[in-house]
Amino acid sequence: MNFQVKIIHGPNLNLLGQREKSIYGDTQFEDYLQQLKAEFPQCDIDYFQSNSEGDIVSYIQNINPEKSGIIINPAAFTHTSIAVRDALLAVKIPCVEVHLSDIYQREKFRHHSYIKDICICSVFGQGMKGYAIALTRLTELLESFNS
């Protein structure tokens, strides 16, 4: 069974592989995305990144909920955006929160996530492999819904 999975990235994640490599690693997400697509052939994976909160909200609102799931790394919007939270609640699509770093081992202001409680799970501090963990969990859930 094929599933639509939308991977959504927030601000500054377009600079993965370039910025703060000690925290985020040296791999660009687009390169890793090819590995994910090969590892999860049952998923039609689309990737969206924006530095704009409104663009992320609009993207979420336009996702077709049928056989769909969301993996989101809202980046700084994790700690600030009620709008992203409300968009995720509105579409009622299973969602997994991912962060490359462990936000609980970083500055105190990063410890609060506005979306953690509305996601089916959260993956922190696993680097890029956090996306594979999230996809595994999401596909298990989608398979159980659609069987």
Foldseek 3Di string as FASTA:
>chain_A
DAAEEEEEEEPPLQCQLNPPCVFQNNDRVVVVVVVLCVVCVSYDYDYYYDHDPVVLLVVLQPDDQPRYEYEYANDVCQLPPPSNQVSCVVSVHAYEYEDCAAQVVDDPSSPHGPRQVVHPHYYHNNHPCSVVVVVVVNVVVSVVVVD
